[in-house]
C-alpha cells in the first residue's frame, strides 16, 4: 500500500486492462446535478433548496504520441472511438492495498497537437456510462 502523498507518476489510467501509453496526465471528474426545489409554498428567505439529481463522470488523459509504445496506442483508442465501443477504464496506482476507481466508458474525443519543433501530443476524453465504482487493489 502506498503511504504519504501520492506521486502523480504512480497513478495511471488503464483501458481494458492495459495502461495508456506515454501519458503525462490523467484525470477523473465526477459531478452531481442539483435539482432545485422551489415552489410558491417555500419560505421567502431567498435561499433555494435542492436535492441531488443525476450523477455523471468523465475521464481524460494527455500524453505524447508514440507509434512504438508497447502500451495502449492512440490508434487503438481511435478504433474504439470510431466503433463507439464501450470499454473499461481503471484509475489506479496498481499497488496492492491502494484504492482504485473504475467505470465503463465510451471515447468521446481525441485531439492531436503537433507544434513546430515540439512533441506531438494527444488529448483523449471518455464519458462514463453507468456508475463509477471504487475498490481496493489486491
N, C-alpha and C. Protein backbone atom coordinates (compact mmCIF):
# COMPACT_ATOMS: atom_id res chain seq x y z
N UNK A 1 0.85 -1.19 0.00
CA UNK A 1 0.00 0.00 0.00
C UNK A 1 0.89 1.24 0.00
N UNK A 2 0.53 2.19 -0.84
CA UNK A 2 1.27 3.44 -0.91
C UNK A 2 1.00 4.28 0.32
N UNK A 3 2.05 4.92 0.88
CA UNK A 3 1.87 5.78 2.05
C UNK A 3 2.26 7.20 1.69
N UNK A 4 1.73 8.15 2.45
CA UNK A 4 2.05 9.55 2.22
C UNK A 4 1.32 10.10 1.00
N UNK A 5 1.72 11.29 0.62
CA UNK A 5 1.13 11.95 -0.55
C UNK A 5 1.54 11.18 -1.80
N UNK A 6 0.57 10.89 -2.64
CA UNK A 6 0.85 10.11 -3.85
C UNK A 6 1.64 10.92 -4.87
N UNK A 7 2.53 10.25 -5.56
CA UNK A 7 3.26 10.84 -6.68
C UNK A 7 2.41 10.63 -7.93
N UNK A 8 2.12 11.69 -8.66
CA UNK A 8 1.29 11.61 -9.85
C UNK A 8 1.79 10.62 -10.88
N UNK A 9 3.08 10.39 -10.92
CA UNK A 9 3.66 9.43 -11.87
C UNK A 9 3.14 8.03 -11.60
N UNK A 10 2.82 7.73 -10.34
CA UNK A 10 2.39 6.38 -9.97
C UNK A 10 0.92 6.11 -10.29
N UNK A 11 0.12 7.15 -10.46
CA UNK A 11 -1.30 6.97 -10.74
C UNK A 11 -1.46 6.90 -12.25
N UNK A 12 -1.97 5.79 -12.75
CA UNK A 12 -2.07 5.57 -14.20
C UNK A 12 -3.51 5.28 -14.59
N UNK A 13 -3.79 5.45 -15.86
CA UNK A 13 -5.09 5.14 -16.42
C UNK A 13 -4.96 3.90 -17.30
N UNK A 14 -5.74 2.89 -16.94
CA UNK A 14 -5.75 1.64 -17.70
C UNK A 14 -7.02 1.59 -18.54
N UNK A 15 -6.91 1.11 -19.76
CA UNK A 15 -8.06 0.93 -20.64
C UNK A 15 -8.12 -0.55 -20.99
N UNK A 16 -9.21 -1.20 -20.62
CA UNK A 16 -9.38 -2.63 -20.84
C UNK A 16 -8.19 -3.43 -20.32
N UNK A 17 -7.67 -3.05 -19.16
CA UNK A 17 -6.61 -3.79 -18.50
C UNK A 17 -5.19 -3.42 -18.90
N UNK A 18 -5.03 -2.52 -19.87
CA UNK A 18 -3.70 -2.12 -20.33
C UNK A 18 -3.50 -0.62 -20.12
N UNK A 19 -2.33 -0.25 -19.64
CA UNK A 19 -2.04 1.16 -19.39
C UNK A 19 -2.02 1.93 -20.72
N UNK A 20 -2.49 3.16 -20.70
CA UNK A 20 -2.44 4.01 -21.89
C UNK A 20 -1.02 4.55 -22.03
N UNK A 21 -0.44 4.35 -23.20
CA UNK A 21 0.97 4.64 -23.42
C UNK A 21 1.33 6.12 -23.46
N UNK A 22 2.52 6.42 -22.92
CA UNK A 22 3.17 7.74 -22.97
C UNK A 22 2.33 8.86 -22.36
N UNK A 23 1.44 8.52 -21.42
CA UNK A 23 0.58 9.53 -20.79
C UNK A 23 1.41 10.44 -19.88
N UNK A 24 1.07 11.70 -19.87
CA UNK A 24 1.70 12.68 -18.97
C UNK A 24 0.72 13.17 -17.90
N UNK A 25 -0.56 12.92 -18.12
CA UNK A 25 -1.58 13.35 -17.17
C UNK A 25 -2.83 12.52 -17.39
N UNK A 26 -3.58 12.28 -16.33
CA UNK A 26 -4.89 11.65 -16.45
C UNK A 26 -5.76 12.19 -15.33
N UNK A 27 -7.06 12.24 -15.57
CA UNK A 27 -7.94 12.79 -14.56
C UNK A 27 -9.31 12.12 -14.61
N UNK A 28 -9.96 12.14 -13.46
CA UNK A 28 -11.31 11.61 -13.29
C UNK A 28 -12.12 12.73 -12.64
N UNK A 29 -13.23 13.09 -13.27
CA UNK A 29 -14.10 14.13 -12.70
C UNK A 29 -15.50 13.56 -12.54
N UNK A 30 -16.01 13.64 -11.31
CA UNK A 30 -17.36 13.17 -11.01
C UNK A 30 -18.20 14.36 -10.55
N UNK A 31 -19.40 14.46 -11.07
CA UNK A 31 -20.28 15.56 -10.70
C UNK A 31 -21.70 15.03 -10.42
N UNK A 32 -22.45 15.83 -9.68
CA UNK A 32 -23.85 15.52 -9.43
C UNK A 32 -24.66 16.78 -9.66
N UNK A 33 -25.69 16.66 -10.46
CA UNK A 33 -26.57 17.80 -10.68
C UNK A 33 -27.41 18.01 -9.42
N UNK A 34 -27.74 19.24 -9.16
CA UNK A 34 -28.62 19.55 -8.04
C UNK A 34 -29.96 20.03 -8.61
N UNK A 35 -31.01 19.32 -8.23
CA UNK A 35 -32.36 19.72 -8.64
C UNK A 35 -32.85 20.79 -7.69
N UNK A 36 -33.24 21.92 -8.23
CA UNK A 36 -33.75 23.00 -7.39
C UNK A 36 -35.16 22.66 -6.93
N UNK A 37 -35.37 22.81 -5.64
CA UNK A 37 -36.70 22.60 -5.07
C UNK A 37 -37.19 23.98 -4.61
N UNK A 38 -38.02 24.56 -5.42
CA UNK A 38 -38.53 25.90 -5.13
C UNK A 38 -39.97 25.98 -5.65
N UNK A 39 -40.86 26.33 -4.77
CA UNK A 39 -42.25 26.50 -5.19
C UNK A 39 -42.86 27.68 -4.45
N UNK A 40 -44.07 27.97 -4.74
CA UNK A 40 -44.72 29.14 -4.15
C UNK A 40 -45.03 28.96 -2.67
N UNK A 41 -44.92 27.73 -2.16
CA UNK A 41 -45.15 27.50 -0.74
C UNK A 41 -43.85 27.56 0.06
N UNK A 42 -42.70 27.70 -0.62
CA UNK A 42 -41.40 27.77 0.08
C UNK A 42 -41.31 29.08 0.84
N UNK A 43 -40.62 29.07 1.97
CA UNK A 43 -40.47 30.31 2.73
C UNK A 43 -39.75 31.37 1.90
N UNK A 44 -40.04 32.61 2.15
CA UNK A 44 -39.47 33.72 1.38
C UNK A 44 -38.11 34.17 1.86
N UNK A 45 -37.26 33.24 2.28
CA UNK A 45 -35.95 33.62 2.81
C UNK A 45 -34.94 33.98 1.72
N UNK A 46 -35.25 33.68 0.48
CA UNK A 46 -34.32 33.97 -0.61
C UNK A 46 -33.32 32.85 -0.87
N UNK A 47 -33.38 31.79 -0.08
CA UNK A 47 -32.45 30.67 -0.27
C UNK A 47 -33.16 29.53 -0.96
N UNK A 48 -32.53 29.02 -2.00
CA UNK A 48 -33.12 27.87 -2.68
C UNK A 48 -32.76 26.59 -1.94
N UNK A 49 -33.61 25.60 -2.08
CA UNK A 49 -33.34 24.28 -1.56
C UNK A 49 -33.04 23.37 -2.73
N UNK A 50 -32.35 22.28 -2.47
CA UNK A 50 -32.01 21.38 -3.56
C UNK A 50 -31.94 19.93 -3.11
N UNK A 51 -31.94 19.07 -4.08
CA UNK A 51 -31.80 17.65 -3.86
C UNK A 51 -30.93 17.10 -4.98
N UNK A 52 -30.10 16.11 -4.65
CA UNK A 52 -29.19 15.59 -5.66
C UNK A 52 -29.96 14.88 -6.76
N UNK A 53 -29.55 15.16 -7.98
CA UNK A 53 -30.14 14.52 -9.15
C UNK A 53 -29.16 13.54 -9.78
N UNK A 54 -29.01 13.63 -11.07
CA UNK A 54 -28.19 12.71 -11.86
C UNK A 54 -26.70 12.90 -11.58
N UNK A 55 -25.99 11.78 -11.41
CA UNK A 55 -24.53 11.81 -11.28
C UNK A 55 -23.92 11.48 -12.63
N UNK A 56 -22.76 12.05 -12.91
CA UNK A 56 -22.05 11.74 -14.16
C UNK A 56 -20.56 11.86 -13.92
N UNK A 57 -19.79 11.34 -14.87
CA UNK A 57 -18.34 11.39 -14.73
C UNK A 57 -17.68 11.41 -16.10
N UNK A 58 -16.51 12.01 -16.13
CA UNK A 58 -15.66 11.99 -17.32
C UNK A 58 -14.25 11.60 -16.90
N UNK A 59 -13.53 11.02 -17.81
CA UNK A 59 -12.14 10.65 -17.61
C UNK A 59 -11.37 11.21 -18.79
N UNK A 60 -10.18 11.72 -18.54
CA UNK A 60 -9.37 12.23 -19.65
C UNK A 60 -7.91 11.88 -19.43
N UNK A 61 -7.18 11.88 -20.52
CA UNK A 61 -5.74 11.64 -20.46
C UNK A 61 -5.05 12.46 -21.54
N UNK A 62 -3.84 12.85 -21.24
CA UNK A 62 -3.00 13.63 -22.14
C UNK A 62 -1.64 12.95 -22.18
N UNK A 63 -0.99 13.02 -23.33
CA UNK A 63 0.34 12.42 -23.40
C UNK A 63 1.04 12.72 -24.70
N UNK A 64 2.16 12.03 -24.89
CA UNK A 64 2.96 12.16 -26.10
C UNK A 64 2.58 11.04 -27.07
N UNK A 65 2.41 11.39 -28.33
CA UNK A 65 2.08 10.41 -29.35
C UNK A 65 3.33 9.60 -29.69
N UNK A 66 3.24 8.28 -29.58
CA UNK A 66 4.34 7.38 -29.93
C UNK A 66 3.75 6.15 -30.60
N UNK A 67 4.18 5.89 -31.82
CA UNK A 67 3.66 4.74 -32.56
C UNK A 67 4.24 3.42 -32.06
N UNK A 68 5.37 3.47 -31.34
CA UNK A 68 6.05 2.24 -30.94
C UNK A 68 5.87 1.89 -29.47
N UNK A 69 4.96 2.54 -28.75
CA UNK A 69 4.74 2.19 -27.35
C UNK A 69 4.21 0.76 -27.25
N UNK A 70 4.65 0.05 -26.23
CA UNK A 70 4.14 -1.31 -26.01
C UNK A 70 2.82 -1.29 -25.26
N UNK A 71 2.43 -0.12 -24.76
CA UNK A 71 1.15 0.02 -24.06
C UNK A 71 0.06 0.40 -25.05
N UNK A 72 -1.13 0.69 -24.56
CA UNK A 72 -2.25 1.02 -25.43
C UNK A 72 -1.92 2.26 -26.26
N UNK A 73 -2.04 2.14 -27.56
CA UNK A 73 -1.70 3.21 -28.50
C UNK A 73 -2.93 4.07 -28.80
N UNK A 74 -2.69 5.30 -29.21
CA UNK A 74 -3.77 6.20 -29.61
C UNK A 74 -4.54 5.60 -30.78
N UNK A 75 -3.85 4.92 -31.68
CA UNK A 75 -4.53 4.31 -32.83
C UNK A 75 -5.56 3.27 -32.38
N UNK A 76 -5.26 2.53 -31.32
CA UNK A 76 -6.22 1.55 -30.79
C UNK A 76 -7.41 2.27 -30.16
N UNK A 77 -7.15 3.39 -29.52
CA UNK A 77 -8.23 4.17 -28.92
C UNK A 77 -9.10 4.79 -30.00
N UNK A 78 -8.49 5.21 -31.12
CA UNK A 78 -9.27 5.71 -32.25
C UNK A 78 -10.23 4.64 -32.75
N UNK A 79 -9.77 3.40 -32.82
CA UNK A 79 -10.62 2.31 -33.28
C UNK A 79 -11.86 2.18 -32.38
N UNK A 80 -11.66 2.31 -31.06
CA UNK A 80 -12.79 2.28 -30.12
C UNK A 80 -13.72 3.46 -30.35
N UNK A 81 -13.13 4.64 -30.58
CA UNK A 81 -13.89 5.86 -30.84
C UNK A 81 -14.75 5.69 -32.09
N UNK A 82 -14.13 5.20 -33.15
CA UNK A 82 -14.81 5.06 -34.43
C UNK A 82 -15.98 4.09 -34.35
N UNK A 83 -15.82 3.02 -33.57
CA UNK A 83 -16.86 1.99 -33.45
C UNK A 83 -17.87 2.29 -32.34
N UNK A 84 -17.56 3.25 -31.45
CA UNK A 84 -18.46 3.53 -30.33
C UNK A 84 -18.44 2.43 -29.28
N UNK A 85 -17.32 1.73 -29.19
CA UNK A 85 -17.18 0.59 -28.29
C UNK A 85 -17.14 1.03 -26.82
N UNK A 86 -17.85 0.31 -25.97
CA UNK A 86 -17.78 0.53 -24.53
C UNK A 86 -16.59 -0.27 -24.00
N UNK A 87 -15.73 0.40 -23.24
CA UNK A 87 -14.55 -0.23 -22.65
C UNK A 87 -14.54 0.06 -21.15
N UNK A 88 -13.59 -0.51 -20.44
CA UNK A 88 -13.47 -0.27 -19.01
C UNK A 88 -12.18 0.50 -18.73
N UNK A 89 -12.30 1.62 -18.00
CA UNK A 89 -11.14 2.39 -17.55
C UNK A 89 -10.96 2.17 -16.06
N UNK A 90 -9.70 2.07 -15.65
CA UNK A 90 -9.37 1.98 -14.22
C UNK A 90 -8.29 3.02 -13.93
N UNK A 91 -8.52 3.83 -12.92
CA UNK A 91 -7.62 4.89 -12.47
C UNK A 91 -6.97 4.37 -11.20
N UNK A 92 -5.66 4.05 -11.23
CA UNK A 92 -5.05 3.33 -10.13
C UNK A 92 -3.53 3.47 -10.07
N UNK A 93 -2.97 3.17 -8.90
CA UNK A 93 -1.52 3.05 -8.76
C UNK A 93 -1.08 1.63 -9.08
N UNK A 94 -2.01 0.70 -9.09
CA UNK A 94 -1.76 -0.72 -9.33
C UNK A 94 -0.98 -1.38 -8.19
N UNK A 95 -0.96 -0.72 -7.02
CA UNK A 95 -0.27 -1.26 -5.84
C UNK A 95 -1.28 -1.94 -4.92
N UNK A 96 -0.95 -3.14 -4.46
CA UNK A 96 -1.82 -3.89 -3.55
C UNK A 96 -2.19 -3.03 -2.34
N UNK A 97 -3.49 -2.98 -2.04
CA UNK A 97 -3.99 -2.23 -0.90
C UNK A 97 -4.42 -0.81 -1.22
N UNK A 98 -4.05 -0.30 -2.40
CA UNK A 98 -4.44 1.07 -2.79
C UNK A 98 -5.85 1.09 -3.37
N UNK A 99 -6.51 2.22 -3.24
CA UNK A 99 -7.84 2.42 -3.81
C UNK A 99 -7.74 2.63 -5.31
N UNK A 100 -8.71 2.12 -6.05
CA UNK A 100 -8.84 2.40 -7.48
C UNK A 100 -10.27 2.83 -7.77
N UNK A 101 -10.44 3.51 -8.90
CA UNK A 101 -11.77 3.87 -9.41
C UNK A 101 -11.88 3.29 -10.80
N UNK A 102 -13.05 2.73 -11.11
CA UNK A 102 -13.24 2.03 -12.38
C UNK A 102 -14.63 2.32 -12.94
N UNK A 103 -14.73 2.35 -14.28
CA UNK A 103 -16.01 2.63 -14.90
C UNK A 103 -16.01 2.16 -16.35
N UNK A 104 -17.20 1.87 -16.85
CA UNK A 104 -17.37 1.63 -18.28
C UNK A 104 -17.40 2.98 -18.97
N UNK A 105 -16.71 3.08 -20.10
CA UNK A 105 -16.57 4.37 -20.78
C UNK A 105 -16.75 4.23 -22.29
N UNK A 106 -17.07 5.36 -22.90
CA UNK A 106 -17.08 5.49 -24.36
C UNK A 106 -16.15 6.65 -24.69
N UNK A 107 -15.26 6.45 -25.65
CA UNK A 107 -14.36 7.52 -26.08
C UNK A 107 -15.21 8.59 -26.78
N UNK A 108 -15.16 9.83 -26.26
CA UNK A 108 -15.97 10.87 -26.89
C UNK A 108 -15.13 11.97 -27.53
N UNK A 109 -13.80 11.96 -27.33
CA UNK A 109 -12.98 12.97 -28.00
C UNK A 109 -11.54 12.51 -28.10
N UNK A 110 -10.93 12.84 -29.23
CA UNK A 110 -9.50 12.62 -29.45
C UNK A 110 -8.97 13.86 -30.14
N UNK A 111 -7.90 14.42 -29.58
CA UNK A 111 -7.29 15.60 -30.18
C UNK A 111 -5.79 15.36 -30.28
N UNK A 112 -5.22 15.68 -31.42
CA UNK A 112 -3.77 15.57 -31.63
C UNK A 112 -3.21 16.96 -31.85
N UNK A 113 -2.07 17.25 -31.25
CA UNK A 113 -1.42 18.55 -31.41
C UNK A 113 0.02 18.34 -31.89
N UNK A 114 0.41 19.14 -32.88
CA UNK A 114 1.78 18.98 -33.42
C UNK A 114 2.43 20.33 -33.67
N UNK A 115 2.88 21.00 -32.60
CA UNK A 115 3.54 22.30 -32.76
C UNK A 115 4.92 22.14 -33.41
N UNK A 116 5.35 23.18 -34.10
CA UNK A 116 6.65 23.16 -34.77
C UNK A 116 7.77 22.89 -33.77
N UNK A 117 8.65 21.95 -34.10
CA UNK A 117 9.82 21.61 -33.29
C UNK A 117 9.48 21.30 -31.83
N UNK A 118 8.38 20.58 -31.64
CA UNK A 118 7.98 20.19 -30.29
C UNK A 118 7.38 18.79 -30.36
N UNK A 119 7.06 18.23 -29.21
CA UNK A 119 6.48 16.89 -29.15
C UNK A 119 5.05 16.89 -29.66
N UNK A 120 4.69 15.83 -30.38
CA UNK A 120 3.31 15.63 -30.79
C UNK A 120 2.56 15.08 -29.58
N UNK A 121 1.40 15.65 -29.28
CA UNK A 121 0.64 15.27 -28.09
C UNK A 121 -0.75 14.78 -28.46
N UNK A 122 -1.36 14.09 -27.51
CA UNK A 122 -2.76 13.69 -27.65
C UNK A 122 -3.52 14.10 -26.41
N UNK A 123 -4.81 14.33 -26.59
CA UNK A 123 -5.77 14.54 -25.51
C UNK A 123 -6.95 13.63 -25.84
N UNK A 124 -7.32 12.79 -24.89
CA UNK A 124 -8.42 11.85 -25.12
C UNK A 124 -9.43 12.00 -23.99
N UNK A 125 -10.71 12.07 -24.36
CA UNK A 125 -11.78 12.18 -23.38
C UNK A 125 -12.68 10.96 -23.42
N UNK A 126 -13.13 10.55 -22.25
CA UNK A 126 -14.04 9.42 -22.10
C UNK A 126 -15.26 9.88 -21.31
N UNK A 127 -16.43 9.45 -21.74
CA UNK A 127 -17.67 9.66 -21.00
C UNK A 127 -17.99 8.36 -20.27
N UNK A 128 -18.24 8.45 -18.98
CA UNK A 128 -18.60 7.27 -18.20
C UNK A 128 -20.06 6.93 -18.49
N UNK A 129 -20.30 5.66 -18.75
CA UNK A 129 -21.65 5.19 -18.95
C UNK A 129 -21.97 4.20 -17.84
N UNK A 130 -22.85 4.59 -16.94
CA UNK A 130 -23.12 3.79 -15.75
C UNK A 130 -22.42 4.37 -14.55
N UNK A 131 -22.18 3.55 -13.54
CA UNK A 131 -21.63 4.02 -12.28
C UNK A 131 -20.11 3.92 -12.23
N UNK A 132 -19.49 4.83 -11.51
CA UNK A 132 -18.09 4.71 -11.16
C UNK A 132 -18.05 3.86 -9.89
N UNK A 133 -17.18 2.85 -9.88
CA UNK A 133 -17.04 2.03 -8.69
C UNK A 133 -15.66 2.25 -8.08
N UNK A 134 -15.60 2.01 -6.79
CA UNK A 134 -14.35 2.16 -6.05
C UNK A 134 -14.01 0.82 -5.43
N UNK A 135 -12.74 0.45 -5.49
CA UNK A 135 -12.32 -0.82 -4.91
C UNK A 135 -10.91 -0.72 -4.36
N UNK A 136 -10.38 -1.85 -3.93
CA UNK A 136 -9.03 -1.93 -3.39
C UNK A 136 -8.23 -2.91 -4.22
N UNK A 137 -7.05 -2.47 -4.67
CA UNK A 137 -6.18 -3.35 -5.45
C UNK A 137 -5.76 -4.54 -4.62
N UNK A 138 -5.80 -5.71 -5.22
CA UNK A 138 -5.39 -6.92 -4.49
C UNK A 138 -4.23 -7.61 -5.18
